[in-house]
Amino acid sequence: MVTEEIRAIVKEIYEAIDDKKGEDIVVINIGGLSIIADYFVIASAGSERQAKAIATEVQKRLAKKGIFPIGKEGLSSPSWILLDYGDVMVHIFKSEERYFYDLERTWKDAPREEIENF
């Protein structure tokens, strides 16, 4: 069940990514199709350095609210960084990797969410 708290987390993540100039930010509501999470937030970064900066900003903002990832992957070689916040999973890709893995196509049946509706 999606709560206002989960939606607030998604919005904070989106804003953190946007502030660090992440590109093509997509919010996918996978809750009706999977038990792994309610939302994926997917974004592209122009470089590994930018991907790390985005991941750091997301973690910093959520940590200020007492929210910490239960899992992190890809920080040592950031072509695909995954931050797992339980109900929300953040995927930060370098553009080439995003195109290769194409999570949007994999989850094509899941509705996209507009951040303005959060």
C-alpha atoms as a PDB file:
ATOM      1  CA  MET A   1       0.000   0.000   0.000  1.00  0.00           C
ATOM      2  CA  VAL A   2       1.418   3.347  -1.061  1.00  0.00           C
ATOM      3  CA  THR A   3       1.384   5.874   1.737  1.00  0.00           C
ATOM      4  CA  GLU A   4       1.952   9.611   1.774  1.00  0.00           C
ATOM      5  CA  GLU A   5       5.321   8.899   3.414  1.00  0.00           C
ATOM      6  CA  ILE A   6       6.414   6.753   0.460  1.00  0.00           C
ATOM      7  CA  ARG A   7       5.240   9.389  -1.998  1.00  0.00           C
ATOM      8  CA  ALA A   8       7.199  12.048  -0.049  1.00  0.00           C
ATOM      9  CA  ILE A   9      10.322   9.885  -0.322  1.00  0.00           C
ATOM     10  CA  VAL A  10       9.851   9.562  -4.086  1.00  0.00           C
ATOM     11  CA  LYS A  11       9.468  13.325  -4.406  1.00  0.00           C
ATOM     12  CA  GLU A  12      12.602  13.989  -2.328  1.00  0.00           C
ATOM     13  CA  ILE A  13      14.580  11.528  -4.451  1.00  0.00           C
ATOM     14  CA  TYR A  14      13.309  13.126  -7.662  1.00  0.00           C
ATOM     15  CA  GLU A  15      14.257  16.611  -6.456  1.00  0.00           C
ATOM     16  CA  ALA A  16      17.731  15.467  -5.350  1.00  0.00           C
ATOM     17  CA  ILE A  17      18.367  13.924  -8.770  1.00  0.00           C
ATOM     18  CA  ASP A  18      17.059  17.010 -10.528  1.00  0.00           C
ATOM     19  CA  ASP A  19      19.223  19.328  -8.409  1.00  0.00           C
ATOM     20  CA  LYS A  20      22.325  17.374  -9.484  1.00  0.00           C
ATOM     21  CA  LYS A  21      21.262  17.662 -13.131  1.00  0.00           C
ATOM     22  CA  GLY A  22      20.214  14.039 -13.567  1.00  0.00           C
ATOM     23  CA  GLU A  23      18.540  13.506 -16.912  1.00  0.00           C
ATOM     24  CA  ASP A  24      15.408  11.712 -18.116  1.00  0.00           C
ATOM     25  CA  ILE A  25      14.064  11.085 -14.622  1.00  0.00           C
ATOM     26  CA  VAL A  26      11.271   8.521 -14.680  1.00  0.00           C
ATOM     27  CA  VAL A  27       9.084   7.364 -11.803  1.00  0.00           C
ATOM     28  CA  ILE A  28       7.520   3.945 -12.368  1.00  0.00           C
ATOM     29  CA  ASN A  29       4.822   2.552 -10.093  1.00  0.00           C
ATOM     30  CA  ILE A  30       5.653  -1.155  -9.970  1.00  0.00           C
ATOM     31  CA  GLY A  31       3.632  -1.874  -6.819  1.00  0.00           C
ATOM     32  CA  GLY A  32       0.790  -3.514  -8.714  1.00  0.00           C
ATOM     33  CA  LEU A  33       3.149  -5.822 -10.605  1.00  0.00           C
ATOM     34  CA  SER A  34       5.812  -6.786  -8.084  1.00  0.00           C
ATOM     35  CA  ILE A  35       6.457  -7.223  -4.388  1.00  0.00           C
ATOM     36  CA  ILE A  36      10.059  -5.953  -4.579  1.00  0.00           C
ATOM     37  CA  ALA A  37       9.087  -2.282  -4.268  1.00  0.00           C
ATOM     38  CA  ASP A  38       6.319   0.208  -4.917  1.00  0.00           C
ATOM     39  CA  TYR A  39       8.366   2.583  -7.076  1.00  0.00           C
ATOM     40  CA  PHE A  40      11.438   2.682  -9.263  1.00  0.00           C
ATOM     41  CA  VAL A  41      13.029   6.075  -9.805  1.00  0.00           C
ATOM     42  CA  ILE A  42      15.308   5.885 -12.841  1.00  0.00           C
ATOM     43  CA  ALA A  43      17.678   8.590 -14.071  1.00  0.00           C
ATOM     44  CA  SER A  44      20.675   9.072 -16.342  1.00  0.00           C
ATOM     45  CA  ALA A  45      23.985  10.714 -15.546  1.00  0.00           C
ATOM     46  CA  GLY A  46      26.462  12.012 -18.081  1.00  0.00           C
ATOM     47  CA  SER A  47      29.470  10.521 -16.308  1.00  0.00           C
ATOM     48  CA  GLU A  48      30.444   8.219 -13.468  1.00  0.00           C
ATOM     49  CA  ARG A  49      31.377  11.267 -11.406  1.00  0.00           C
ATOM     50  CA  GLN A  50      27.901  12.744 -11.872  1.00  0.00           C
ATOM     51  CA  ALA A  51      26.277   9.388 -11.052  1.00  0.00           C
ATOM     52  CA  LYS A  52      28.186   9.294  -7.745  1.00  0.00           C
ATOM     53  CA  ALA A  53      27.227  12.912  -7.009  1.00  0.00           C
ATOM     54  CA  ILE A  54      23.554  12.125  -7.626  1.00  0.00           C
ATOM     55  CA  ALA A  55      23.686   9.042  -5.388  1.00  0.00           C
ATOM     56  CA  THR A  56      25.434  11.019  -2.652  1.00  0.00           C
ATOM     57  CA  GLU A  57      22.828  13.784  -2.823  1.00  0.00           C
ATOM     58  CA  VAL A  58      19.938  11.322  -2.616  1.00  0.00           C
ATOM     59  CA  GLN A  59      21.491   9.609   0.401  1.00  0.00           C
ATOM     60  CA  LYS A  60      22.306  12.910   2.111  1.00  0.00           C
ATOM     61  CA  ARG A  61      18.792  14.308   1.748  1.00  0.00           C
ATOM     62  CA  LEU A  62      17.077  11.170   2.942  1.00  0.00           C
ATOM     63  CA  ALA A  63      19.538  10.701   5.819  1.00  0.00           C
ATOM     64  CA  LYS A  64      18.511  14.158   7.098  1.00  0.00           C
ATOM     65  CA  LYS A  65      15.007  12.700   7.393  1.00  0.00           C
ATOM     66  CA  GLY A  66      16.274   9.568   9.145  1.00  0.00           C
ATOM     67  CA  ILE A  67      15.853   7.388   6.037  1.00  0.00           C
ATOM     68  CA  PHE A  68      18.754   5.158   5.034  1.00  0.00           C
ATOM     69  CA  PRO A  69      19.152   2.648   2.200  1.00  0.00           C
ATOM     70  CA  ILE A  70      18.866  -1.007   3.102  1.00  0.00           C
ATOM     71  CA  GLY A  71      21.149  -1.805   0.192  1.00  0.00           C
ATOM     72  CA  LYS A  72      23.574  -0.056  -2.157  1.00  0.00           C
ATOM     73  CA  GLU A  73      25.239  -1.366  -5.293  1.00  0.00           C
ATOM     74  CA  GLY A  74      27.550   0.089  -7.915  1.00  0.00           C
ATOM     75  CA  LEU A  75      29.179   2.903  -5.954  1.00  0.00           C
ATOM     76  CA  SER A  76      32.694   1.589  -6.633  1.00  0.00           C
ATOM     77  CA  SER A  77      32.108   1.404 -10.396  1.00  0.00           C
ATOM     78  CA  PRO A  78      29.179   3.735 -10.977  1.00  0.00           C
ATOM     79  CA  SER A  79      27.880   2.933 -14.427  1.00  0.00           C
ATOM     80  CA  TRP A  80      24.706   1.677 -12.684  1.00  0.00           C
ATOM     81  CA  ILE A  81      24.068   2.667  -9.088  1.00  0.00           C
ATOM     82  CA  LEU A  82      21.216   1.101  -7.165  1.00  0.00           C
ATOM     83  CA  LEU A  83      19.963   2.541  -3.875  1.00  0.00           C
ATOM     84  CA  ASP A  84      17.370   0.313  -2.232  1.00  0.00           C
ATOM     85  CA  TYR A  85      15.049   2.122   0.174  1.00  0.00           C
ATOM     86  CA  GLY A  86      12.665  -0.809   0.492  1.00  0.00           C
ATOM     87  CA  ASP A  87       9.511   0.676  -0.991  1.00  0.00           C
ATOM     88  CA  VAL A  88      11.516   2.815  -3.424  1.00  0.00           C
ATOM     89  CA  MET A  89      14.466   1.712  -5.534  1.00  0.00           C
ATOM     90  CA  VAL A  90      16.676   4.319  -7.180  1.00  0.00           C
ATOM     91  CA  HIS A  91      18.526   3.429 -10.390  1.00  0.00           C
ATOM     92  CA  ILE A  92      21.157   5.873 -11.629  1.00  0.00           C
ATOM     93  CA  PHE A  93      22.692   4.911 -14.949  1.00  0.00           C
ATOM     94  CA  LYS A  94      25.289   6.240 -17.286  1.00  0.00           C
ATOM     95  CA  SER A  95      23.354   6.772 -20.504  1.00  0.00           C
ATOM     96  CA  GLU A  96      24.839   3.794 -22.366  1.00  0.00           C
ATOM     97  CA  GLU A  97      24.006   1.362 -19.565  1.00  0.00           C
ATOM     98  CA  ARG A  98      20.485   2.708 -19.202  1.00  0.00           C
ATOM     99  CA  TYR A  99      19.876   2.080 -22.866  1.00  0.00           C
ATOM    100  CA  PHE A 100      21.396  -1.413 -22.630  1.00  0.00           C
ATOM    101  CA  TYR A 101      19.418  -2.571 -19.564  1.00  0.00           C
ATOM    102  CA  ASP A 102      16.258  -0.660 -20.566  1.00  0.00           C
ATOM    103  CA  LEU A 103      14.311  -1.053 -17.316  1.00  0.00           C
ATOM    104  CA  GLU A 104      11.532   1.071 -18.745  1.00  0.00           C
ATOM    105  CA  ARG A 105      10.879  -1.594 -21.388  1.00  0.00           C
ATOM    106  CA  THR A 106      11.132  -4.395 -18.826  1.00  0.00           C
ATOM    107  CA  TRP A 107       8.480  -2.643 -16.714  1.00  0.00           C
ATOM    108  CA  LYS A 108       6.456  -1.343 -19.661  1.00  0.00           C
ATOM    109  CA  ASP A 109       3.182  -2.512 -18.096  1.00  0.00           C
ATOM    110  CA  ALA A 110       3.779  -0.447 -14.962  1.00  0.00           C
ATOM    111  CA  PRO A 111       2.285   3.045 -14.929  1.00  0.00           C
ATOM    112  CA  ARG A 112       4.570   6.065 -15.142  1.00  0.00           C
ATOM    113  CA  GLU A 113       3.961   8.738 -12.528  1.00  0.00           C
ATOM    114  CA  GLU A 114       4.226  12.472 -13.000  1.00  0.00           C
ATOM    115  CA  ILE A 115       6.073  14.100 -10.110  1.00  0.00           C
ATOM    116  CA  GLU A 116       3.615  16.990 -10.166  1.00  0.00           C
ATOM    117  CA  ASN A 117       1.002  14.541  -8.856  1.00  0.00           C
ATOM    118  CA  PHE A 118       3.010  13.722  -5.746  1.00  0.00           C
END
